Amino acid sequence: MNITNETQTACPLCGCNCDAQAATLHTNNDATSHIAAFLKEARRWKRDEPFYWLATTEEISDTNYRADLKRAIAQENIGERDWLTACADTLLKVDMNYGRIWRPMEPYPIPFVDDVIPNDRYMRDFMRSETCEFPERDKLLDLNFRVNAPEIASSFGR
């Protein structure tokens, strides 16, 4: 691939439209340059576009983090079977406000909730489980708090 400083190219790792030099560094898997390119791309977004980090698998698997997430879920006034709708509403809210969700090193495509959580009884299983069996499902529950109650989500795992 022939890259010059005048061209804009999509980063092979994250798909951002960073400059050619940063894209070259991205291909070398240089995390520092990736973060710099991400921040450069973030400056191009409108100021009112919300931005959310998706929890990592390590965070979700942490016992203290998981206990705090369970406690927050128990305190919400949402029925066991209504959590799917709540998660779908959260993703719709992010999408309608032109929000962006990022997981470490790459953007997170907004999924269909039914593809991630196919069983509406998942909440019962989640609340009873001691270990993280389905991290992608648990991340979606965590994202619900990161979007709708960031002050609660910031206390998870502390």
Foldseek 3Di string as FASTA:
>chain_A
DDFDQVDFDQQPQAGARFGRVLSVVVVVVDLVSLVVRVVVSVVPDDPQQAEEEFDDLVQCFDQQLLVLLLVVVVPDPADLLCVLVLLQVLLVVNVVSNHWYHYPRYTDPRDRSCVQPVDSNVSVVSNPDRGCPRSSNSSSSLVSCVRPPVVSSVPRPD
